[in-house]
Amino acid sequence: MAERPRIAVLTSGGDAPGMNAAIRSVVRTTIGADGVAVGVKHGYEGLLKGDVQELNLGDVGGKLDRGGTFLGTSRSERFFDPAGIDEGVAILAENGVTGLVVIGGDGSYRGAQELHLRGVKVVGIPGTIDNDLDGTDTTIGFDTALNTICDATSKVRDTASSHERTFVIEVMGRASGLIALQAGLASGADCILVPEIPWRLEDVCDMVMGGIARGKKHSIIITAEGAAHAFGLATDLAAMCGHEVRTVVLGHIQRGGSPSAFDRILASRMGAHAVDALLAGRSGVAVGLRHASTVECPLPDAYTSHHPLPRDLYDLANTLAK
């Protein structure tokens, strides 16, 4: 009889809502194909510690709507070292793993590619709220994070309007302004600052003062952390405008919470696709979503280039904010 496939799954890097749904899909698709599902705890660092266990159907019960990742996640410095990667390969072999699903962002994909080059059958699933990986229209967690930011912005706007204040809301995005842009457009922000597009404090001040001149009771500025930090921007803006400016830094609240229906479905589809790819003998690829269909691309294509900022959405946001 042919050996039963043993497919392992791990989550690495920053957590994203929908990771649990993806793990659940990997486990149940594997078992449905008469394979053995294996969970690696705490990402690559857990792999190097041999923190590996078999998972059954009940282990992923009740996980679909939970945020975070029940397997745990981490960032492993040792996995940047070739010796650490070789150790990971050996541990996977010791556990009889015939295929590995890695759920994470670009750093996780780089580690997956190194494993692939050493003969491990591996497929990546994009799990990051930044939505900055190429090869997919969207990543697991992005939709939920947008909804979280929009909900928070609506609450802040109530207070901003009541007290006739300007608020600076800082969201994640060191190198990519995608989450700031789309959240700003969806929540009707008056100004959106992103790292990809230069901005001037004078222009932001003119926007605030122009709104006041029109009788506007509040202004909402959304900034990606890579474009400006909220506290510094608020201090400078208040000094220039002579107007009270308050700050909200959403921080890690953007990563948490129950995943949206979209992210649950996306994660379920991607998890099943990853297992099917491994069972078919494919490796070194990342699963993505293109035009509503799940697709694959080489892992390096997904992490060596990032989504460009859609300038048309940026221009639209500015037009609608007037």
C-alpha atoms as a PDB file:
ATOM      1  CA  MET A   1       0.000   0.000   0.000  1.00  0.00           C
ATOM      2  CA  ALA A   2       1.131   3.544  -0.734  1.00  0.00           C
ATOM      3  CA  GLU A   3       2.336   5.549   2.234  1.00  0.00           C
ATOM      4  CA  ARG A   4      -0.264   7.927   3.615  1.00  0.00           C
ATOM      5  CA  PRO A   5       0.695  11.562   3.044  1.00  0.00           C
ATOM      6  CA  ARG A   6       1.622  13.508   6.176  1.00  0.00           C
ATOM      7  CA  ILE A   7       0.955  17.200   5.607  1.00  0.00           C
ATOM      8  CA  ALA A   8       2.123  19.703   8.197  1.00  0.00           C
ATOM      9  CA  VAL A   9       0.923  23.271   8.659  1.00  0.00           C
ATOM     10  CA  LEU A  10       2.456  26.210  10.498  1.00  0.00           C
ATOM     11  CA  THR A  11       1.739  29.913  10.929  1.00  0.00           C
ATOM     12  CA  SER A  12       4.615  32.365  10.967  1.00  0.00           C
ATOM     13  CA  GLY A  13       5.202  36.089  11.489  1.00  0.00           C
ATOM     14  CA  GLY A  14       2.396  38.447  12.470  1.00  0.00           C
ATOM     15  CA  ASP A  15      -0.989  36.853  13.087  1.00  0.00           C
ATOM     16  CA  ALA A  16      -3.943  37.672  10.854  1.00  0.00           C
ATOM     17  CA  PRO A  17      -7.682  36.987  11.249  1.00  0.00           C
ATOM     18  CA  GLY A  18      -8.526  33.895   9.216  1.00  0.00           C
ATOM     19  CA  MET A  19      -5.356  31.939   9.953  1.00  0.00           C
ATOM     20  CA  ASN A  20      -7.355  29.478  12.069  1.00  0.00           C
ATOM     21  CA  ALA A  21      -9.814  29.001   9.217  1.00  0.00           C
ATOM     22  CA  ALA A  22      -6.895  28.188   6.900  1.00  0.00           C
ATOM     23  CA  ILE A  23      -5.417  25.689   9.378  1.00  0.00           C
ATOM     24  CA  ARG A  24      -8.832  24.062   9.740  1.00  0.00           C
ATOM     25  CA  SER A  25      -9.128  23.736   5.977  1.00  0.00           C
ATOM     26  CA  VAL A  26      -5.646  22.216   5.643  1.00  0.00           C
ATOM     27  CA  VAL A  27      -6.329  19.690   8.380  1.00  0.00           C
ATOM     28  CA  ARG A  28      -9.762  18.603   7.190  1.00  0.00           C
ATOM     29  CA  THR A  29      -8.798  18.498   3.506  1.00  0.00           C
ATOM     30  CA  THR A  30      -5.769  16.371   4.371  1.00  0.00           C
ATOM     31  CA  ILE A  31      -7.787  13.929   6.479  1.00  0.00           C
ATOM     32  CA  GLY A  32     -10.488  13.840   3.794  1.00  0.00           C
ATOM     33  CA  ALA A  33      -7.808  12.679   1.342  1.00  0.00           C
ATOM     34  CA  ASP A  34      -6.836   9.838   3.729  1.00  0.00           C
ATOM     35  CA  GLY A  35      -3.762  11.714   4.870  1.00  0.00           C
ATOM     36  CA  VAL A  36      -2.384  12.587   8.283  1.00  0.00           C
ATOM     37  CA  ALA A  37      -2.466  16.224   9.389  1.00  0.00           C
ATOM     38  CA  VAL A  38       0.375  17.572  11.478  1.00  0.00           C
ATOM     39  CA  GLY A  39       0.495  20.889  13.334  1.00  0.00           C
ATOM     40  CA  VAL A  40       3.722  22.776  14.001  1.00  0.00           C
ATOM     41  CA  LYS A  41       3.415  25.053  17.040  1.00  0.00           C
ATOM     42  CA  HIS A  42       4.889  28.576  17.130  1.00  0.00           C
ATOM     43  CA  GLY A  43       6.064  28.826  13.527  1.00  0.00           C
ATOM     44  CA  TYR A  44       9.611  28.133  12.411  1.00  0.00           C
ATOM     45  CA  GLU A  45      10.923  28.512  15.967  1.00  0.00           C
ATOM     46  CA  GLY A  46       8.562  25.756  17.107  1.00  0.00           C
ATOM     47  CA  LEU A  47       9.708  23.601  14.201  1.00  0.00           C
ATOM     48  CA  LEU A  48      13.315  23.932  15.335  1.00  0.00           C
ATOM     49  CA  LYS A  49      12.236  22.870  18.828  1.00  0.00           C
ATOM     50  CA  GLY A  50      10.418  19.851  17.423  1.00  0.00           C
ATOM     51  CA  ASP A  51       7.070  21.124  18.686  1.00  0.00           C
ATOM     52  CA  VAL A  52       5.087  18.978  16.258  1.00  0.00           C
ATOM     53  CA  GLN A  53       1.893  17.002  16.822  1.00  0.00           C
ATOM     54  CA  GLU A  54      -0.730  15.176  14.814  1.00  0.00           C
ATOM     55  CA  LEU A  55      -4.094  16.927  14.478  1.00  0.00           C
ATOM     56  CA  ASN A  56      -7.488  15.265  14.103  1.00  0.00           C
ATOM     57  CA  LEU A  57     -10.860  16.596  13.039  1.00  0.00           C
ATOM     58  CA  GLY A  58     -11.836  17.576  16.567  1.00  0.00           C
ATOM     59  CA  ASP A  59      -8.664  19.602  17.099  1.00  0.00           C
ATOM     60  CA  VAL A  60      -9.871  22.198  14.597  1.00  0.00           C
ATOM     61  CA  GLY A  61     -13.502  22.199  15.697  1.00  0.00           C
ATOM     62  CA  GLY A  62     -14.767  25.627  16.756  1.00  0.00           C
ATOM     63  CA  LYS A  63     -11.771  27.393  15.220  1.00  0.00           C
ATOM     64  CA  LEU A  64     -13.367  28.819  12.057  1.00  0.00           C
ATOM     65  CA  ASP A  65     -14.560  32.067  13.640  1.00  0.00           C
ATOM     66  CA  ARG A  66     -11.658  32.611  16.021  1.00  0.00           C
ATOM     67  CA  GLY A  67      -9.054  35.298  15.413  1.00  0.00           C
ATOM     68  CA  GLY A  68      -5.339  34.773  15.825  1.00  0.00           C
ATOM     69  CA  THR A  69      -3.827  31.314  15.363  1.00  0.00           C
ATOM     70  CA  PHE A  70      -4.303  28.456  17.809  1.00  0.00           C
ATOM     71  CA  LEU A  71      -1.017  26.934  16.631  1.00  0.00           C
ATOM     72  CA  GLY A  72       0.795  30.060  17.782  1.00  0.00           C
ATOM     73  CA  THR A  73       3.252  32.107  15.775  1.00  0.00           C
ATOM     74  CA  SER A  74       6.660  33.702  16.169  1.00  0.00           C
ATOM     75  CA  ARG A  75       9.592  35.182  14.292  1.00  0.00           C
ATOM     76  CA  SER A  76      12.655  32.957  14.328  1.00  0.00           C
ATOM     77  CA  GLU A  77      16.130  34.470  14.063  1.00  0.00           C
ATOM     78  CA  ARG A  78      17.620  30.972  13.872  1.00  0.00           C
ATOM     79  CA  PHE A  79      15.706  30.255  10.700  1.00  0.00           C
ATOM     80  CA  PHE A  80      17.650  32.996   8.894  1.00  0.00           C
ATOM     81  CA  ASP A  81      20.765  30.864   9.369  1.00  0.00           C
ATOM     82  CA  PRO A  82      21.420  28.068   6.825  1.00  0.00           C
ATOM     83  CA  ALA A  83      22.232  25.722   9.695  1.00  0.00           C
ATOM     84  CA  GLY A  84      18.840  26.437  11.251  1.00  0.00           C
ATOM     85  CA  ILE A  85      17.057  25.751   7.981  1.00  0.00           C
ATOM     86  CA  ASP A  86      18.934  22.456   7.588  1.00  0.00           C
ATOM     87  CA  GLU A  87      17.866  21.534  11.115  1.00  0.00           C
ATOM     88  CA  GLY A  88      14.263  22.270  10.196  1.00  0.00           C
ATOM     89  CA  VAL A  89      14.532  20.001   7.166  1.00  0.00           C
ATOM     90  CA  ALA A  90      15.840  17.194   9.363  1.00  0.00           C
ATOM     91  CA  ILE A  91      13.047  17.593  11.921  1.00  0.00           C
ATOM     92  CA  LEU A  92      10.387  17.484   9.209  1.00  0.00           C
ATOM     93  CA  ALA A  93      11.964  14.280   7.873  1.00  0.00           C
ATOM     94  CA  GLU A  94      12.103  12.750  11.361  1.00  0.00           C
ATOM     95  CA  ASN A  95       8.370  13.372  11.681  1.00  0.00           C
ATOM     96  CA  GLY A  96       7.653  11.788   8.306  1.00  0.00           C
ATOM     97  CA  VAL A  97       6.266  15.023   6.848  1.00  0.00           C
ATOM     98  CA  THR A  98       5.712  14.705   3.112  1.00  0.00           C
ATOM     99  CA  GLY A  99       4.416  18.230   2.561  1.00  0.00           C
ATOM    100  CA  LEU A 100       4.309  21.525   4.451  1.00  0.00           C
ATOM    101  CA  VAL A 101       1.845  24.421   4.279  1.00  0.00           C
ATOM    102  CA  VAL A 102       3.259  27.747   5.477  1.00  0.00           C
ATOM    103  CA  ILE A 103       0.765  30.501   6.319  1.00  0.00           C
ATOM    104  CA  GLY A 104       2.258  33.988   6.638  1.00  0.00           C
ATOM    105  CA  GLY A 105       3.795  36.981   4.890  1.00  0.00           C
ATOM    106  CA  ASP A 106       6.949  37.666   2.909  1.00  0.00           C
ATOM    107  CA  GLY A 107       9.367  36.585   5.651  1.00  0.00           C
ATOM    108  CA  SER A 108       7.477  33.315   6.036  1.00  0.00           C
ATOM    109  CA  TYR A 109       7.581  32.810   2.285  1.00  0.00           C
ATOM    110  CA  ARG A 110      11.344  33.331   2.215  1.00  0.00           C
ATOM    111  CA  GLY A 111      11.748  30.577   4.767  1.00  0.00           C
ATOM    112  CA  ALA A 112       9.414  28.339   2.775  1.00  0.00           C
ATOM    113  CA  GLN A 113      11.476  28.908  -0.360  1.00  0.00           C
ATOM    114  CA  GLU A 114      14.662  27.863   1.461  1.00  0.00           C
ATOM    115  CA  LEU A 115      12.949  24.651   2.543  1.00  0.00           C
ATOM    116  CA  HIS A 116      11.789  24.053  -1.020  1.00  0.00           C
ATOM    117  CA  LEU A 117      15.344  24.458  -2.322  1.00  0.00           C
ATOM    118  CA  ARG A 118      16.413  21.770   0.138  1.00  0.00           C
ATOM    119  CA  GLY A 119      13.869  19.276  -1.158  1.00  0.00           C
ATOM    120  CA  VAL A 120      10.927  19.857   1.168  1.00  0.00           C
ATOM    121  CA  LYS A 121       7.556  19.898  -0.568  1.00  0.00           C
ATOM    122  CA  VAL A 122       6.088  23.244   0.519  1.00  0.00           C
ATOM    123  CA  VAL A 123       3.216  25.547  -0.441  1.00  0.00           C
ATOM    124  CA  GLY A 124       2.572  29.026   0.923  1.00  0.00           C
ATOM    125  CA  ILE A 125      -0.724  30.681   1.890  1.00  0.00           C
ATOM    126  CA  PRO A 126      -0.791  34.503   2.213  1.00  0.00           C
ATOM    127  CA  GLY A 127      -1.759  35.453   5.752  1.00  0.00           C
ATOM    128  CA  THR A 128      -1.069  39.133   6.459  1.00  0.00           C
ATOM    129  CA  ILE A 129      -3.270  42.154   7.088  1.00  0.00           C
ATOM    130  CA  ASP A 130      -0.958  44.345   4.973  1.00  0.00           C
ATOM    131  CA  ASN A 131      -2.106  42.769   1.673  1.00  0.00           C
ATOM    132  CA  ASP A 132       1.343  43.532   0.265  1.00  0.00           C
ATOM    133  CA  LEU A 133       2.175  40.157  -1.288  1.00  0.00           C
ATOM    134  CA  ASP A 134       2.133  39.817  -5.043  1.00  0.00           C
ATOM    135  CA  GLY A 135       0.497  36.881  -6.783  1.00  0.00           C
ATOM    136  CA  THR A 136      -2.855  37.437  -5.080  1.00  0.00           C
ATOM    137  CA  ASP A 137      -5.545  40.094  -5.216  1.00  0.00           C
ATOM    138  CA  THR A 138      -5.943  39.942  -1.453  1.00  0.00           C
ATOM    139  CA  THR A 139      -4.453  38.221   1.575  1.00  0.00           C
ATOM    140  CA  ILE A 140      -6.097  36.478   4.497  1.00  0.00           C
ATOM    141  CA  GLY A 141      -6.860  39.023   7.219  1.00  0.00           C
ATOM    142  CA  PHE A 142      -6.912  42.165   5.088  1.00  0.00           C
ATOM    143  CA  ASP A 143     -10.696  42.409   4.833  1.00  0.00           C
ATOM    144  CA  THR A 144     -11.174  41.908   8.571  1.00  0.00           C
ATOM    145  CA  ALA A 145      -8.536  44.515   9.412  1.00  0.00           C
ATOM    146  CA  LEU A 146     -10.244  47.026   7.113  1.00  0.00           C
ATOM    147  CA  ASN A 147     -13.547  46.443   8.869  1.00  0.00           C
ATOM    148  CA  THR A 148     -11.867  46.876  12.258  1.00  0.00           C
ATOM    149  CA  ILE A 149     -10.343  50.201  11.200  1.00  0.00           C
ATOM    150  CA  CYS A 150     -13.614  51.434   9.699  1.00  0.00           C
ATOM    151  CA  ASP A 151     -15.504  50.565  12.878  1.00  0.00           C
ATOM    152  CA  ALA A 152     -12.923  52.352  15.039  1.00  0.00           C
ATOM    153  CA  THR A 153     -12.934  55.394  12.739  1.00  0.00           C
ATOM    154  CA  SER A 154     -16.723  55.675  12.971  1.00  0.00           C
ATOM    155  CA  LYS A 155     -16.498  55.718  16.755  1.00  0.00           C
ATOM    156  CA  VAL A 156     -13.717  58.312  16.704  1.00  0.00           C
ATOM    157  CA  ARG A 157     -15.733  60.477  14.318  1.00  0.00           C
ATOM    158  CA  ASP A 158     -18.606  60.648  16.831  1.00  0.00           C
ATOM    159  CA  THR A 159     -16.266  62.114  19.434  1.00  0.00           C
ATOM    160  CA  ALA A 160     -14.441  64.314  16.911  1.00  0.00           C
ATOM    161  CA  SER A 161     -17.727  65.852  15.787  1.00  0.00           C
ATOM    162  CA  SER A 162     -19.037  66.318  19.332  1.00  0.00           C
ATOM    163  CA  HIS A 163     -15.920  68.213  20.422  1.00  0.00           C
ATOM    164  CA  GLU A 164     -15.158  69.787  17.023  1.00  0.00           C
ATOM    165  CA  ARG A 165     -11.661  68.359  16.920  1.00  0.00           C
ATOM    166  CA  THR A 166      -9.230  66.944  14.400  1.00  0.00           C
ATOM    167  CA  PHE A 167      -8.135  63.355  14.974  1.00  0.00           C
ATOM    168  CA  VAL A 168      -5.092  61.571  13.552  1.00  0.00           C
ATOM    169  CA  ILE A 169      -5.629  57.811  13.375  1.00  0.00           C
ATOM    170  CA  GLU A 170      -2.477  55.754  12.858  1.00  0.00           C
ATOM    171  CA  VAL A 171      -2.817  52.341  11.228  1.00  0.00           C
ATOM    172  CA  MET A 172      -0.289  49.667  10.314  1.00  0.00           C
ATOM    173  CA  GLY A 173       1.787  49.759   7.157  1.00  0.00           C
ATOM    174  CA  ARG A 174       5.524  50.475   7.399  1.00  0.00           C
ATOM    175  CA  ALA A 175       6.294  50.158   3.695  1.00  0.00           C
ATOM    176  CA  SER A 176       2.821  49.762   2.222  1.00  0.00           C
ATOM    177  CA  GLY A 177      -0.075  52.203   2.461  1.00  0.00           C
ATOM    178  CA  LEU A 178      -2.701  49.818   1.098  1.00  0.00           C
ATOM    179  CA  ILE A 179      -4.498  49.314   4.399  1.00  0.00           C
ATOM    180  CA  ALA A 180      -4.473  53.057   5.160  1.00  0.00           C
ATOM    181  CA  LEU A 181      -5.716  53.936   1.691  1.00  0.00           C
ATOM    182  CA  GLN A 182      -8.576  51.465   1.524  1.00  0.00           C
ATOM    183  CA  ALA A 183      -9.626  52.014   5.129  1.00  0.00           C
ATOM    184  CA  GLY A 184      -9.516  55.771   4.577  1.00  0.00           C
ATOM    185  CA  LEU A 185     -11.625  55.527   1.437  1.00  0.00           C
ATOM    186  CA  ALA A 186     -14.130  53.190   3.074  1.00  0.00           C
ATOM    187  CA  SER A 187     -14.480  55.325   6.207  1.00  0.00           C
ATOM    188  CA  GLY A 188     -14.571  58.716   4.499  1.00  0.00           C
ATOM    189  CA  ALA A 189     -11.327  60.088   5.936  1.00  0.00           C
ATOM    190  CA  ASP A 190     -10.591  63.719   5.088  1.00  0.00           C
ATOM    191  CA  CYS A 191      -6.905  63.048   4.505  1.00  0.00           C
ATOM    192  CA  ILE A 192      -4.910  59.854   3.919  1.00  0.00           C
ATOM    193  CA  LEU A 193      -1.129  59.687   4.285  1.00  0.00           C
ATOM    194  CA  VAL A 194       0.785  56.765   2.769  1.00  0.00           C
ATOM    195  CA  PRO A 195       4.521  56.060   2.482  1.00  0.00           C
ATOM    196  CA  GLU A 196       4.360  55.734  -1.306  1.00  0.00           C
ATOM    197  CA  ILE A 197       3.224  59.326  -1.929  1.00  0.00           C
ATOM    198  CA  PRO A 198       5.074  62.408  -0.574  1.00  0.00           C
ATOM    199  CA  TRP A 199       3.019  64.827   1.495  1.00  0.00           C
ATOM    200  CA  ARG A 200       3.490  68.256   3.097  1.00  0.00           C
ATOM    201  CA  LEU A 201       2.348  69.393   6.512  1.00  0.00           C
ATOM    202  CA  GLU A 202       1.197  72.671   4.955  1.00  0.00           C
ATOM    203  CA  ASP A 203      -1.247  70.822   2.717  1.00  0.00           C
ATOM    204  CA  VAL A 204      -2.675  68.859   5.642  1.00  0.00           C
ATOM    205  CA  CYS A 205      -3.093  72.102   7.599  1.00  0.00           C
ATOM    206  CA  ASP A 206      -4.829  73.737   4.634  1.00  0.00           C
ATOM    207  CA  MET A 207      -7.260  70.803   4.522  1.00  0.00           C
ATOM    208  CA  VAL A 208      -8.078  71.150   8.213  1.00  0.00           C
ATOM    209  CA  MET A 209      -8.467  74.928   8.120  1.00  0.00           C
ATOM    210  CA  GLY A 210     -10.458  74.781   4.883  1.00  0.00           C
ATOM    211  CA  GLY A 211     -12.909  72.417   6.545  1.00  0.00           C
ATOM    212  CA  ILE A 212     -13.260  74.715   9.530  1.00  0.00           C
ATOM    213  CA  ALA A 213     -13.904  77.654   7.200  1.00  0.00           C
ATOM    214  CA  ARG A 214     -16.734  75.680   5.566  1.00  0.00           C
ATOM    215  CA  GLY A 215     -18.301  75.002   8.950  1.00  0.00           C
ATOM    216  CA  LYS A 216     -17.040  71.426   9.189  1.00  0.00           C
ATOM    217  CA  LYS A 217     -17.039  70.265  12.801  1.00  0.00           C
ATOM    218  CA  HIS A 218     -14.277  67.687  12.585  1.00  0.00           C
ATOM    219  CA  SER A 219     -11.496  66.268  10.421  1.00  0.00           C
ATOM    220  CA  ILE A 220     -10.251  62.690  10.294  1.00  0.00           C
ATOM    221  CA  ILE A 221      -6.710  62.005   9.118  1.00  0.00           C
ATOM    222  CA  ILE A 222      -5.627  58.397   8.589  1.00  0.00           C
ATOM    223  CA  THR A 223      -1.895  57.794   8.362  1.00  0.00           C
ATOM    224  CA  ALA A 224       0.059  54.618   7.708  1.00  0.00           C
ATOM    225  CA  GLU A 225       2.790  54.202  10.320  1.00  0.00           C
ATOM    226  CA  GLY A 226       5.373  54.349   7.535  1.00  0.00           C
ATOM    227  CA  ALA A 227       4.110  57.760   6.377  1.00  0.00           C
ATOM    228  CA  ALA A 228       3.879  59.554   9.729  1.00  0.00           C
ATOM    229  CA  HIS A 229       3.538  58.713  13.397  1.00  0.00           C
ATOM    230  CA  ALA A 230       0.346  60.050  14.906  1.00  0.00           C
ATOM    231  CA  PHE A 231       1.800  61.852  17.925  1.00  0.00           C
ATOM    232  CA  GLY A 232       4.461  63.753  16.016  1.00  0.00           C
ATOM    233  CA  LEU A 233       2.052  64.667  13.232  1.00  0.00           C
ATOM    234  CA  ALA A 234      -0.588  65.844  15.706  1.00  0.00           C
ATOM    235  CA  THR A 235       1.932  68.032  17.578  1.00  0.00           C
ATOM    236  CA  ASP A 236       3.228  69.655  14.394  1.00  0.00           C
ATOM    237  CA  LEU A 237      -0.234  70.083  12.931  1.00  0.00           C
ATOM    238  CA  ALA A 238      -1.647  71.683  16.081  1.00  0.00           C
ATOM    239  CA  ALA A 239       1.262  74.140  16.198  1.00  0.00           C
ATOM    240  CA  MET A 240       0.827  75.114  12.550  1.00  0.00           C
ATOM    241  CA  CYS A 241      -2.968  75.328  12.525  1.00  0.00           C
ATOM    242  CA  GLY A 242      -3.570  76.625  16.042  1.00  0.00           C
ATOM    243  CA  HIS A 243      -6.268  73.967  16.330  1.00  0.00           C
ATOM    244  CA  GLU A 244      -6.631  71.083  18.786  1.00  0.00           C
ATOM    245  CA  VAL A 245      -5.536  67.736  17.347  1.00  0.00           C
ATOM    246  CA  ARG A 246      -5.961  64.386  19.104  1.00  0.00           C
ATOM    247  CA  THR A 247      -4.481  60.987  18.248  1.00  0.00           C
ATOM    248  CA  VAL A 248      -5.547  57.356  18.113  1.00  0.00           C
ATOM    249  CA  VAL A 249      -3.011  54.601  17.440  1.00  0.00           C
ATOM    250  CA  LEU A 250      -4.937  51.426  16.627  1.00  0.00           C
ATOM    251  CA  GLY A 251      -1.877  49.190  16.897  1.00  0.00           C
ATOM    252  CA  HIS A 252      -2.430  45.480  17.304  1.00  0.00           C
ATOM    253  CA  ILE A 253      -6.208  45.779  17.585  1.00  0.00           C
ATOM    254  CA  GLN A 254      -6.073  45.636  13.776  1.00  0.00           C
ATOM    255  CA  ARG A 255      -4.759  42.065  13.902  1.00  0.00           C
ATOM    256  CA  GLY A 256      -7.382  40.676  16.262  1.00  0.00           C
ATOM    257  CA  GLY A 257     -11.027  39.812  16.224  1.00  0.00           C
ATOM    258  CA  SER A 258     -13.224  37.246  14.560  1.00  0.00           C
ATOM    259  CA  PRO A 259     -12.484  37.040  10.824  1.00  0.00           C
ATOM    260  CA  SER A 260     -15.034  38.406   8.397  1.00  0.00           C
ATOM    261  CA  ALA A 261     -17.115  36.029   6.281  1.00  0.00           C
ATOM    262  CA  PHE A 262     -14.926  36.959   3.310  1.00  0.00           C
ATOM    263  CA  ASP A 263     -11.726  36.009   5.147  1.00  0.00           C
ATOM    264  CA  ARG A 264     -13.221  32.746   6.429  1.00  0.00           C
ATOM    265  CA  ILE A 265     -14.202  31.703   2.912  1.00  0.00           C
ATOM    266  CA  LEU A 266     -10.897  32.885   1.411  1.00  0.00           C
ATOM    267  CA  ALA A 267      -8.874  30.999   4.023  1.00  0.00           C
ATOM    268  CA  SER A 268     -10.957  27.846   3.544  1.00  0.00           C
ATOM    269  CA  ARG A 269     -10.452  27.915  -0.229  1.00  0.00           C
ATOM    270  CA  MET A 270      -6.739  28.605   0.013  1.00  0.00           C
ATOM    271  CA  GLY A 271      -6.158  25.888   2.610  1.00  0.00           C
ATOM    272  CA  ALA A 272      -7.845  23.273   0.441  1.00  0.00           C
ATOM    273  CA  HIS A 273      -5.968  24.460  -2.659  1.00  0.00           C
ATOM    274  CA  ALA A 274      -2.626  24.203  -0.847  1.00  0.00           C
ATOM    275  CA  VAL A 275      -3.276  20.605   0.179  1.00  0.00           C
ATOM    276  CA  ASP A 276      -4.439  19.667  -3.322  1.00  0.00           C
ATOM    277  CA  ALA A 277      -1.231  21.162  -4.760  1.00  0.00           C
ATOM    278  CA  LEU A 278       0.943  19.129  -2.384  1.00  0.00           C
ATOM    279  CA  LEU A 279      -0.977  15.923  -3.080  1.00  0.00           C
ATOM    280  CA  ALA A 280      -0.449  16.553  -6.805  1.00  0.00           C
ATOM    281  CA  GLY A 281       3.310  16.857  -6.226  1.00  0.00           C
ATOM    282  CA  ARG A 282       3.655  20.614  -6.674  1.00  0.00           C
ATOM    283  CA  SER A 283       6.001  22.616  -4.457  1.00  0.00           C
ATOM    284  CA  GLY A 284       7.649  26.006  -4.145  1.00  0.00           C
ATOM    285  CA  VAL A 285       4.423  27.841  -4.963  1.00  0.00           C
ATOM    286  CA  ALA A 286       2.165  30.312  -3.196  1.00  0.00           C
ATOM    287  CA  VAL A 287      -1.611  30.127  -3.371  1.00  0.00           C
ATOM    288  CA  GLY A 288      -3.374  33.332  -4.380  1.00  0.00           C
ATOM    289  CA  LEU A 289      -6.725  34.708  -5.443  1.00  0.00           C
ATOM    290  CA  ARG A 290      -7.010  36.160  -8.938  1.00  0.00           C
ATOM    291  CA  HIS A 291     -10.347  37.272 -10.403  1.00  0.00           C
ATOM    292  CA  ALA A 292     -12.239  35.207  -7.797  1.00  0.00           C
ATOM    293  CA  SER A 293     -10.296  31.998  -8.586  1.00  0.00           C
ATOM    294  CA  THR A 294      -7.559  30.386  -6.511  1.00  0.00           C
ATOM    295  CA  VAL A 295      -4.273  30.242  -8.408  1.00  0.00           C
ATOM    296  CA  GLU A 296      -0.576  29.552  -7.827  1.00  0.00           C
ATOM    297  CA  CYS A 297       2.638  31.438  -8.474  1.00  0.00           C
ATOM    298  CA  PRO A 298       6.288  30.695  -7.627  1.00  0.00           C
ATOM    299  CA  LEU A 299       7.084  31.672  -4.052  1.00  0.00           C
ATOM    300  CA  PRO A 300       9.781  34.227  -5.025  1.00  0.00           C
ATOM    301  CA  ASP A 301       7.312  36.021  -7.309  1.00  0.00           C
ATOM    302  CA  ALA A 302       5.074  36.593  -4.292  1.00  0.00           C
ATOM    303  CA  TYR A 303       7.678  38.128  -1.968  1.00  0.00           C
ATOM    304  CA  THR A 304      10.158  39.890  -4.273  1.00  0.00           C
ATOM    305  CA  SER A 305       7.556  42.363  -5.515  1.00  0.00           C
ATOM    306  CA  HIS A 306       4.662  43.959  -3.657  1.00  0.00           C
ATOM    307  CA  HIS A 307       1.317  45.343  -4.709  1.00  0.00           C
ATOM    308  CA  PRO A 308       1.681  48.876  -6.083  1.00  0.00           C
ATOM    309  CA  LEU A 309      -0.505  51.499  -4.476  1.00  0.00           C
ATOM    310  CA  PRO A 310      -3.548  52.048  -6.744  1.00  0.00           C
ATOM    311  CA  ARG A 311      -3.230  55.749  -7.530  1.00  0.00           C
ATOM    312  CA  ASP A 312      -6.774  55.875  -8.882  1.00  0.00           C
ATOM    313  CA  LEU A 313      -8.144  54.943  -5.447  1.00  0.00           C
ATOM    314  CA  TYR A 314      -5.933  57.567  -3.803  1.00  0.00           C
ATOM    315  CA  ASP A 315      -7.204  60.245  -6.199  1.00  0.00           C
ATOM    316  CA  LEU A 316     -10.787  59.095  -5.676  1.00  0.00           C
ATOM    317  CA  ALA A 317     -10.413  59.325  -1.892  1.00  0.00           C
ATOM    318  CA  ASN A 318      -9.136  62.900  -2.211  1.00  0.00           C
ATOM    319  CA  THR A 319     -11.983  63.845  -4.550  1.00  0.00           C
ATOM    320  CA  LEU A 320     -14.671  62.438  -2.267  1.00  0.00           C
ATOM    321  CA  ALA A 321     -13.142  64.037   0.836  1.00  0.00           C
ATOM    322  CA  LYS A 322     -13.721  67.578  -0.457  1.00  0.00           C
END
